[in-house]
Amino acid sequence: MRHSFAFAALVASIAALTAAADPADAVRLDILPGWENADGTQMAGLRVSLDDGWKTYWRAPGDAGIPPVFSWNGSENVRGVSFHWPVPEVHSQNGMRTFGYQGEFTIPVTVHRSADGTARLKGKVQIGVCSDICVPVTLRFDQLLPEGGARDGQIASALVDQPMTAKEGRVAAATCAFDPTSDGAHLTVKVQMPQLAEMELAVIEAGDPRIWVAEPVVERQGDWLVAQTRMYHDYDGPMVINRGSMRITVLGAGQAVDIQGCSGS
């Protein structure tokens, strides 16, 4: 039941494919090699270009979206990567809210090398792209990242556009309270922070892809933002939640604050 809206939207999208342009032709992916940081990591960028009228999704797409899934098979001299997602746009359609991007945007990526020398960033990403319909599209990439490099304005601009940290957003506290239910848990998140905008939204991620968090109801109680929602899981046994892996993003007026981890109430 928790995935019924997303599943219905995907089925309707696939059924409509014959009447629409090929979504694969509406999106392109380029790797920007970027520059080497002082600590030896490489700041690269994933530049996504969408045709007019098309959009795609943020890492947490919302109730009806398709989350991006990356594979790095074929990469060389790469120990791991860290994403720096720009603040997403908020879209509403058919009573459902999603988070994503339109036009051209760049996702900065910190590449952690296994050793000194040239790295190769190779793999694929499956993303959802939408016009009148939403369907998954697989994009492949293969780019050498030589040592050194030069500062890239597109990557630098996208780094500026990422959410504020909890410290930058003047977050004084973040708590999570769980009330078990027969099929998951009711979750109450409280964040003590200055108000971003008259209308604020919250996106809550459990840190475990097997745990789904519904869109929360958000209200202000003085200095506290309070978000209440439901959590479900798709595995047998009790739901196990790590407070340190919880991620809360507060959005408002084109800004965002990224809060990682929460304490008990």
C-alpha atoms as a PDB file:
ATOM      1  CA  MET A   1       0.000   0.000   0.000  1.00  0.00           C
ATOM      2  CA  ARG A   2       2.805   2.409   0.849  1.00  0.00           C
ATOM      3  CA  HIS A   3       4.157   2.203  -2.705  1.00  0.00           C
ATOM      4  CA  SER A   4       0.775   2.134  -4.463  1.00  0.00           C
ATOM      5  CA  PHE A   5       0.822   5.751  -5.678  1.00  0.00           C
ATOM      6  CA  ALA A   6       4.345   5.488  -7.058  1.00  0.00           C
ATOM      7  CA  PHE A   7       3.614   2.109  -8.649  1.00  0.00           C
ATOM      8  CA  ALA A   8       0.386   3.365 -10.236  1.00  0.00           C
ATOM      9  CA  ALA A   9       2.182   6.391 -11.626  1.00  0.00           C
ATOM     10  CA  LEU A  10       4.931   4.200 -13.103  1.00  0.00           C
ATOM     11  CA  VAL A  11       2.432   1.768 -14.675  1.00  0.00           C
ATOM     12  CA  ALA A  12       0.496   4.639 -16.230  1.00  0.00           C
ATOM     13  CA  SER A  13       3.731   6.108 -17.536  1.00  0.00           C
ATOM     14  CA  ILE A  14       4.847   2.893 -19.212  1.00  0.00           C
ATOM     15  CA  ALA A  15       1.403   2.401 -20.748  1.00  0.00           C
ATOM     16  CA  ALA A  16       1.621   5.870 -22.306  1.00  0.00           C
ATOM     17  CA  LEU A  17       5.075   5.389 -23.830  1.00  0.00           C
ATOM     18  CA  THR A  18       3.761   4.660 -27.294  1.00  0.00           C
ATOM     19  CA  ALA A  19       2.140   8.085 -27.425  1.00  0.00           C
ATOM     20  CA  ALA A  20       5.181  10.038 -26.215  1.00  0.00           C
ATOM     21  CA  ALA A  21       8.636  10.985 -27.389  1.00  0.00           C
ATOM     22  CA  ASP A  22      11.468   8.670 -26.322  1.00  0.00           C
ATOM     23  CA  PRO A  23      12.514   9.915 -22.851  1.00  0.00           C
ATOM     24  CA  ALA A  24      16.080   8.710 -23.473  1.00  0.00           C
ATOM     25  CA  ASP A  25      16.419  11.415 -26.144  1.00  0.00           C
ATOM     26  CA  ALA A  26      15.332  14.125 -23.681  1.00  0.00           C
ATOM     27  CA  VAL A  27      18.185  13.753 -21.191  1.00  0.00           C
ATOM     28  CA  ARG A  28      21.992  13.739 -21.446  1.00  0.00           C
ATOM     29  CA  LEU A  29      24.744  13.164 -18.900  1.00  0.00           C
ATOM     30  CA  ASP A  30      28.313  14.523 -19.019  1.00  0.00           C
ATOM     31  CA  ILE A  31      31.126  14.106 -16.507  1.00  0.00           C
ATOM     32  CA  LEU A  32      33.004  17.319 -15.678  1.00  0.00           C
ATOM     33  CA  PRO A  33      36.554  16.271 -14.608  1.00  0.00           C
ATOM     34  CA  GLY A  34      36.948  19.223 -12.245  1.00  0.00           C
ATOM     35  CA  TRP A  35      40.002  19.695 -10.045  1.00  0.00           C
ATOM     36  CA  GLU A  36      42.126  18.029  -7.400  1.00  0.00           C
ATOM     37  CA  ASN A  37      41.589  19.154  -3.810  1.00  0.00           C
ATOM     38  CA  ALA A  38      44.387  19.736  -1.327  1.00  0.00           C
ATOM     39  CA  ASP A  39      43.551  16.462   0.441  1.00  0.00           C
ATOM     40  CA  GLY A  40      44.066  14.449  -2.762  1.00  0.00           C
ATOM     41  CA  THR A  41      40.372  13.926  -3.566  1.00  0.00           C
ATOM     42  CA  GLN A  42      38.947  15.033  -6.922  1.00  0.00           C
ATOM     43  CA  MET A  43      36.012  17.430  -7.187  1.00  0.00           C
ATOM     44  CA  ALA A  44      34.140  16.309 -10.310  1.00  0.00           C
ATOM     45  CA  GLY A  45      30.615  16.974 -11.530  1.00  0.00           C
ATOM     46  CA  LEU A  46      27.710  15.095 -13.090  1.00  0.00           C
ATOM     47  CA  ARG A  47      26.079  17.540 -15.535  1.00  0.00           C
ATOM     48  CA  VAL A  48      22.533  16.555 -16.490  1.00  0.00           C
ATOM     49  CA  SER A  49      20.838  18.326 -19.421  1.00  0.00           C
ATOM     50  CA  LEU A  50      17.080  17.967 -19.890  1.00  0.00           C
ATOM     51  CA  ASP A  51      15.050  19.170 -22.850  1.00  0.00           C
ATOM     52  CA  ASP A  52      12.406  21.835 -22.241  1.00  0.00           C
ATOM     53  CA  GLY A  53       9.347  20.416 -20.515  1.00  0.00           C
ATOM     54  CA  TRP A  54      11.211  17.513 -18.897  1.00  0.00           C
ATOM     55  CA  LYS A  55      12.284  17.035 -15.271  1.00  0.00           C
ATOM     56  CA  THR A  56      14.040  14.461 -13.111  1.00  0.00           C
ATOM     57  CA  TYR A  57      14.280  13.643  -9.419  1.00  0.00           C
ATOM     58  CA  TRP A  58      16.413  14.466  -6.385  1.00  0.00           C
ATOM     59  CA  ARG A  59      17.983  11.720  -4.255  1.00  0.00           C
ATOM     60  CA  ALA A  60      14.754  11.655  -2.180  1.00  0.00           C
ATOM     61  CA  PRO A  61      12.125  12.028  -4.914  1.00  0.00           C
ATOM     62  CA  GLY A  62       8.931  12.208  -2.851  1.00  0.00           C
ATOM     63  CA  ASP A  63       5.881   9.976  -2.840  1.00  0.00           C
ATOM     64  CA  ALA A  64       5.546   9.538  -6.629  1.00  0.00           C
ATOM     65  CA  GLY A  65       9.137   9.840  -7.835  1.00  0.00           C
ATOM     66  CA  ILE A  66      11.825   7.443  -9.023  1.00  0.00           C
ATOM     67  CA  PRO A  67      15.049   7.732  -6.985  1.00  0.00           C
ATOM     68  CA  PRO A  68      18.363   7.811  -8.892  1.00  0.00           C
ATOM     69  CA  VAL A  69      20.389   4.596  -8.587  1.00  0.00           C
ATOM     70  CA  PHE A  70      24.119   4.654  -9.380  1.00  0.00           C
ATOM     71  CA  SER A  71      26.473   1.845 -10.355  1.00  0.00           C
ATOM     72  CA  TRP A  72      30.234   2.458 -10.485  1.00  0.00           C
ATOM     73  CA  ASN A  73      31.247  -0.832 -12.147  1.00  0.00           C
ATOM     74  CA  GLY A  74      34.284  -0.294 -14.347  1.00  0.00           C
ATOM     75  CA  SER A  75      35.666   2.636 -12.342  1.00  0.00           C
ATOM     76  CA  GLU A  76      39.406   2.506 -11.689  1.00  0.00           C
ATOM     77  CA  ASN A  77      41.419   3.925  -8.800  1.00  0.00           C
ATOM     78  CA  VAL A  78      38.171   4.987  -7.099  1.00  0.00           C
ATOM     79  CA  ARG A  79      37.602   4.065  -3.447  1.00  0.00           C
ATOM     80  CA  GLY A  80      34.290   5.885  -3.128  1.00  0.00           C
ATOM     81  CA  VAL A  81      32.289   9.000  -3.991  1.00  0.00           C
ATOM     82  CA  SER A  82      30.391  11.629  -1.997  1.00  0.00           C
ATOM     83  CA  PHE A  83      27.507  13.609  -3.531  1.00  0.00           C
ATOM     84  CA  HIS A  84      26.769  17.308  -2.993  1.00  0.00           C
ATOM     85  CA  TRP A  85      23.179  17.616  -4.231  1.00  0.00           C
ATOM     86  CA  PRO A  86      21.950  21.128  -5.134  1.00  0.00           C
ATOM     87  CA  VAL A  87      18.768  22.325  -3.426  1.00  0.00           C
ATOM     88  CA  PRO A  88      15.900  20.650  -5.320  1.00  0.00           C
ATOM     89  CA  GLU A  89      12.817  22.290  -6.777  1.00  0.00           C
ATOM     90  CA  VAL A  90       9.413  21.350  -5.349  1.00  0.00           C
ATOM     91  CA  HIS A  91       6.776  20.067  -7.786  1.00  0.00           C
ATOM     92  CA  SER A  92       3.119  19.203  -7.121  1.00  0.00           C
ATOM     93  CA  GLN A  93       1.007  17.077  -9.444  1.00  0.00           C
ATOM     94  CA  ASN A  94      -2.194  15.075  -8.893  1.00  0.00           C
ATOM     95  CA  GLY A  95      -2.071  15.834  -5.182  1.00  0.00           C
ATOM     96  CA  MET A  96       1.462  14.439  -4.766  1.00  0.00           C
ATOM     97  CA  ARG A  97       4.624  16.405  -4.016  1.00  0.00           C
ATOM     98  CA  THR A  98       7.966  15.528  -5.595  1.00  0.00           C
ATOM     99  CA  PHE A  99      11.485  16.993  -5.469  1.00  0.00           C
ATOM    100  CA  GLY A 100      13.764  17.365  -8.469  1.00  0.00           C
ATOM    101  CA  TYR A 101      15.278  19.470 -11.236  1.00  0.00           C
ATOM    102  CA  GLN A 102      14.557  20.893 -14.677  1.00  0.00           C
ATOM    103  CA  GLY A 103      16.776  22.205 -17.494  1.00  0.00           C
ATOM    104  CA  GLU A 104      20.517  21.787 -16.911  1.00  0.00           C
ATOM    105  CA  PHE A 105      22.041  21.197 -13.498  1.00  0.00           C
ATOM    106  CA  THR A 106      25.266  19.826 -12.040  1.00  0.00           C
ATOM    107  CA  ILE A 107      25.713  17.460  -9.113  1.00  0.00           C
ATOM    108  CA  PRO A 108      29.197  17.944  -7.605  1.00  0.00           C
ATOM    109  CA  VAL A 109      30.872  14.682  -6.611  1.00  0.00           C
ATOM    110  CA  THR A 110      33.926  14.236  -4.407  1.00  0.00           C
ATOM    111  CA  VAL A 111      35.902  11.271  -5.774  1.00  0.00           C
ATOM    112  CA  HIS A 112      38.110   9.448  -3.272  1.00  0.00           C
ATOM    113  CA  ARG A 113      41.036   7.803  -5.042  1.00  0.00           C
ATOM    114  CA  SER A 114      42.482   4.469  -3.963  1.00  0.00           C
ATOM    115  CA  ALA A 115      45.985   5.724  -4.731  1.00  0.00           C
ATOM    116  CA  ASP A 116      47.767   8.647  -6.380  1.00  0.00           C
ATOM    117  CA  GLY A 117      47.354   9.014 -10.126  1.00  0.00           C
ATOM    118  CA  THR A 118      44.648   9.166 -12.741  1.00  0.00           C
ATOM    119  CA  ALA A 119      41.219   7.856 -11.810  1.00  0.00           C
ATOM    120  CA  ARG A 120      38.545   6.565 -14.162  1.00  0.00           C
ATOM    121  CA  LEU A 121      34.907   7.277 -13.368  1.00  0.00           C
ATOM    122  CA  LYS A 122      32.815   4.711 -15.212  1.00  0.00           C
ATOM    123  CA  GLY A 123      29.358   3.296 -14.649  1.00  0.00           C
ATOM    124  CA  LYS A 124      25.703   4.080 -15.110  1.00  0.00           C
ATOM    125  CA  VAL A 125      22.803   5.771 -13.382  1.00  0.00           C
ATOM    126  CA  GLN A 126      19.127   4.953 -13.633  1.00  0.00           C
ATOM    127  CA  ILE A 127      16.983   8.067 -13.207  1.00  0.00           C
ATOM    128  CA  GLY A 128      13.328   8.887 -13.669  1.00  0.00           C
ATOM    129  CA  VAL A 129      12.529  11.502 -16.316  1.00  0.00           C
ATOM    130  CA  CYS A 130       9.113  13.082 -16.680  1.00  0.00           C
ATOM    131  CA  SER A 131       7.100  15.146 -19.110  1.00  0.00           C
ATOM    132  CA  ASP A 132       3.453  14.079 -19.304  1.00  0.00           C
ATOM    133  CA  ILE A 133       4.739  10.682 -18.190  1.00  0.00           C
ATOM    134  CA  CYS A 134       7.529   9.456 -15.910  1.00  0.00           C
ATOM    135  CA  VAL A 135       9.779   6.557 -16.873  1.00  0.00           C
ATOM    136  CA  PRO A 136      13.202   5.220 -15.835  1.00  0.00           C
ATOM    137  CA  VAL A 137      16.126   5.942 -18.166  1.00  0.00           C
ATOM    138  CA  THR A 138      19.642   4.486 -17.903  1.00  0.00           C
ATOM    139  CA  LEU A 139      22.559   6.833 -18.624  1.00  0.00           C
ATOM    140  CA  ARG A 140      26.126   5.557 -18.966  1.00  0.00           C
ATOM    141  CA  PHE A 141      29.330   7.488 -18.312  1.00  0.00           C
ATOM    142  CA  ASP A 142      33.084   6.970 -18.709  1.00  0.00           C
ATOM    143  CA  GLN A 143      35.561   9.750 -17.924  1.00  0.00           C
ATOM    144  CA  LEU A 144      39.235   9.918 -16.941  1.00  0.00           C
ATOM    145  CA  LEU A 145      40.043  12.206 -14.006  1.00  0.00           C
ATOM    146  CA  PRO A 146      43.696  13.227 -14.344  1.00  0.00           C
ATOM    147  CA  GLU A 147      45.645  14.601 -11.407  1.00  0.00           C
ATOM    148  CA  GLY A 148      45.546  18.371 -11.099  1.00  0.00           C
ATOM    149  CA  GLY A 149      42.783  19.713 -13.314  1.00  0.00           C
ATOM    150  CA  ALA A 150      41.285  23.191 -13.262  1.00  0.00           C
ATOM    151  CA  ARG A 151      38.516  24.824 -11.283  1.00  0.00           C
ATOM    152  CA  ASP A 152      35.178  24.518 -13.111  1.00  0.00           C
ATOM    153  CA  GLY A 153      32.616  27.303 -12.733  1.00  0.00           C
ATOM    154  CA  GLN A 154      29.628  24.978 -13.159  1.00  0.00           C
ATOM    155  CA  ILE A 155      30.800  22.723 -10.340  1.00  0.00           C
ATOM    156  CA  ALA A 156      31.688  25.679  -8.123  1.00  0.00           C
ATOM    157  CA  SER A 157      28.260  27.252  -8.677  1.00  0.00           C
ATOM    158  CA  ALA A 158      26.484  23.991  -7.830  1.00  0.00           C
ATOM    159  CA  LEU A 159      28.516  23.683  -4.622  1.00  0.00           C
ATOM    160  CA  VAL A 160      27.239  27.113  -3.563  1.00  0.00           C
ATOM    161  CA  ASP A 161      23.664  25.955  -4.303  1.00  0.00           C
ATOM    162  CA  GLN A 162      23.768  22.927  -1.994  1.00  0.00           C
ATOM    163  CA  PRO A 163      21.810  22.965   1.287  1.00  0.00           C
ATOM    164  CA  MET A 164      23.252  24.639   4.355  1.00  0.00           C
ATOM    165  CA  THR A 165      24.751  22.419   7.017  1.00  0.00           C
ATOM    166  CA  ALA A 166      23.045  22.215  10.406  1.00  0.00           C
ATOM    167  CA  LYS A 167      25.643  24.636  11.760  1.00  0.00           C
ATOM    168  CA  GLU A 168      25.112  27.102   8.916  1.00  0.00           C
ATOM    169  CA  GLY A 169      21.344  26.840   9.397  1.00  0.00           C
ATOM    170  CA  ARG A 170      21.779  27.507  13.141  1.00  0.00           C
ATOM    171  CA  VAL A 171      20.179  24.237  14.172  1.00  0.00           C
ATOM    172  CA  ALA A 172      20.304  24.010  17.964  1.00  0.00           C
ATOM    173  CA  ALA A 173      18.749  20.551  18.332  1.00  0.00           C
ATOM    174  CA  ALA A 174      17.105  17.744  16.357  1.00  0.00           C
ATOM    175  CA  THR A 175      15.152  14.948  18.015  1.00  0.00           C
ATOM    176  CA  CYS A 176      13.322  11.854  16.739  1.00  0.00           C
ATOM    177  CA  ALA A 177      10.587  10.026  18.649  1.00  0.00           C
ATOM    178  CA  PHE A 178       9.280   6.663  17.402  1.00  0.00           C
ATOM    179  CA  ASP A 179       5.939   5.102  18.303  1.00  0.00           C
ATOM    180  CA  PRO A 180       5.744   1.500  16.999  1.00  0.00           C
ATOM    181  CA  THR A 181       2.704   0.476  14.935  1.00  0.00           C
ATOM    182  CA  SER A 182       1.586  -2.872  13.521  1.00  0.00           C
ATOM    183  CA  ASP A 183       3.276  -2.166  10.163  1.00  0.00           C
ATOM    184  CA  GLY A 184       6.098   0.235  11.080  1.00  0.00           C
ATOM    185  CA  ALA A 185       6.236   3.313  13.280  1.00  0.00           C
ATOM    186  CA  HIS A 186       4.861   6.784  13.737  1.00  0.00           C
ATOM    187  CA  LEU A 187       7.693   9.311  13.733  1.00  0.00           C
ATOM    188  CA  THR A 188       7.813  12.775  15.278  1.00  0.00           C
ATOM    189  CA  VAL A 189      10.807  14.930  14.371  1.00  0.00           C
ATOM    190  CA  LYS A 190      11.483  18.225  16.162  1.00  0.00           C
ATOM    191  CA  VAL A 191      14.116  20.653  14.916  1.00  0.00           C
ATOM    192  CA  GLN A 192      15.054  23.813  16.809  1.00  0.00           C
ATOM    193  CA  MET A 193      16.141  26.325  14.162  1.00  0.00           C
ATOM    194  CA  PRO A 194      15.268  29.761  12.729  1.00  0.00           C
ATOM    195  CA  GLN A 195      12.345  29.728  10.298  1.00  0.00           C
ATOM    196  CA  LEU A 196      13.438  29.526   6.658  1.00  0.00           C
ATOM    197  CA  ALA A 197      10.205  30.786   5.114  1.00  0.00           C
ATOM    198  CA  GLU A 198       6.508  31.214   5.805  1.00  0.00           C
ATOM    199  CA  MET A 199       5.939  27.793   4.240  1.00  0.00           C
ATOM    200  CA  GLU A 200       8.459  25.116   5.207  1.00  0.00           C
ATOM    201  CA  LEU A 201       8.682  21.512   4.067  1.00  0.00           C
ATOM    202  CA  ALA A 202      10.633  18.602   5.474  1.00  0.00           C
ATOM    203  CA  VAL A 203      12.063  15.506   3.800  1.00  0.00           C
ATOM    204  CA  ILE A 204      13.036  12.673   6.128  1.00  0.00           C
ATOM    205  CA  GLU A 205      15.300   9.796   5.087  1.00  0.00           C
ATOM    206  CA  ALA A 206      15.848   6.762   7.294  1.00  0.00           C
ATOM    207  CA  GLY A 207      19.328   5.932   6.015  1.00  0.00           C
ATOM    208  CA  ASP A 208      18.113   2.470   4.995  1.00  0.00           C
ATOM    209  CA  PRO A 209      16.612   2.045   1.491  1.00  0.00           C
ATOM    210  CA  ARG A 210      14.352  -0.713   2.850  1.00  0.00           C
ATOM    211  CA  ILE A 211      12.574   1.801   5.101  1.00  0.00           C
ATOM    212  CA  TRP A 212      10.072   4.123   3.437  1.00  0.00           C
ATOM    213  CA  VAL A 213       9.118   7.432   5.080  1.00  0.00           C
ATOM    214  CA  ALA A 214       5.854   9.105   4.043  1.00  0.00           C
ATOM    215  CA  GLU A 215       5.603  12.824   3.357  1.00  0.00           C
ATOM    216  CA  PRO A 216       5.422  14.499   6.789  1.00  0.00           C
ATOM    217  CA  VAL A 217       2.928  17.030   8.094  1.00  0.00           C
ATOM    218  CA  VAL A 218       4.932  20.079   9.169  1.00  0.00           C
ATOM    219  CA  GLU A 219       4.062  22.851  11.609  1.00  0.00           C
ATOM    220  CA  ARG A 220       5.833  25.531  13.615  1.00  0.00           C
ATOM    221  CA  GLN A 221       5.777  25.586  17.393  1.00  0.00           C
ATOM    222  CA  GLY A 222       7.778  28.696  18.210  1.00  0.00           C
ATOM    223  CA  ASP A 223      11.460  28.057  17.528  1.00  0.00           C
ATOM    224  CA  TRP A 224      10.724  24.403  16.774  1.00  0.00           C
ATOM    225  CA  LEU A 225       9.771  22.864  13.456  1.00  0.00           C
ATOM    226  CA  VAL A 226       7.698  19.760  14.120  1.00  0.00           C
ATOM    227  CA  ALA A 227       7.229  17.085  11.443  1.00  0.00           C
ATOM    228  CA  GLN A 228       5.041  14.011  11.908  1.00  0.00           C
ATOM    229  CA  THR A 229       4.929  11.037   9.553  1.00  0.00           C
ATOM    230  CA  ARG A 230       4.736   7.249   9.206  1.00  0.00           C
ATOM    231  CA  MET A 231       7.563   4.796   8.511  1.00  0.00           C
ATOM    232  CA  TYR A 232       7.266   1.358   6.898  1.00  0.00           C
ATOM    233  CA  HIS A 233       9.729  -1.404   6.037  1.00  0.00           C
ATOM    234  CA  ASP A 234       9.784  -4.176   3.438  1.00  0.00           C
ATOM    235  CA  TYR A 235      11.661  -6.910   5.304  1.00  0.00           C
ATOM    236  CA  ASP A 236      10.651  -9.533   7.859  1.00  0.00           C
ATOM    237  CA  GLY A 237      11.052  -8.830  11.546  1.00  0.00           C
ATOM    238  CA  PRO A 238      11.035  -5.623  13.591  1.00  0.00           C
ATOM    239  CA  MET A 239      12.089  -2.327  12.025  1.00  0.00           C
ATOM    240  CA  VAL A 240      15.615  -1.339  13.077  1.00  0.00           C
ATOM    241  CA  ILE A 241      16.400   2.377  12.985  1.00  0.00           C
ATOM    242  CA  ASN A 242      19.784   4.035  13.500  1.00  0.00           C
ATOM    243  CA  ARG A 243      19.279   7.594  14.743  1.00  0.00           C
ATOM    244  CA  GLY A 244      22.725   8.561  13.499  1.00  0.00           C
ATOM    245  CA  SER A 245      21.737   7.599   9.935  1.00  0.00           C
ATOM    246  CA  MET A 246      18.540   9.643   9.926  1.00  0.00           C
ATOM    247  CA  ARG A 247      18.654  12.627   7.546  1.00  0.00           C
ATOM    248  CA  ILE A 248      16.286  15.587   7.760  1.00  0.00           C
ATOM    249  CA  THR A 249      16.169  18.267   5.065  1.00  0.00           C
ATOM    250  CA  VAL A 250      14.168  21.410   5.779  1.00  0.00           C
ATOM    251  CA  LEU A 251      13.207  23.408   2.664  1.00  0.00           C
ATOM    252  CA  GLY A 252      11.686  26.843   2.187  1.00  0.00           C
ATOM    253  CA  ALA A 253      11.859  29.736  -0.300  1.00  0.00           C
ATOM    254  CA  GLY A 254      14.554  28.073  -2.420  1.00  0.00           C
ATOM    255  CA  GLN A 255      16.780  27.357   0.580  1.00  0.00           C
ATOM    256  CA  ALA A 256      17.477  24.159   2.492  1.00  0.00           C
ATOM    257  CA  VAL A 257      19.165  22.937   5.657  1.00  0.00           C
ATOM    258  CA  ASP A 258      20.647  19.419   5.778  1.00  0.00           C
ATOM    259  CA  ILE A 259      20.538  17.833   9.247  1.00  0.00           C
ATOM    260  CA  GLN A 260      22.261  14.497   9.678  1.00  0.00           C
ATOM    261  CA  GLY A 261      21.344  12.435  12.705  1.00  0.00           C
ATOM    262  CA  CYS A 262      18.931  13.071  15.571  1.00  0.00           C
ATOM    263  CA  SER A 263      18.818  12.401  19.277  1.00  0.00           C
ATOM    264  CA  GLY A 264      16.086  10.954  21.471  1.00  0.00           C
ATOM    265  CA  SER A 265      13.308  13.288  22.522  1.00  0.00           C
END
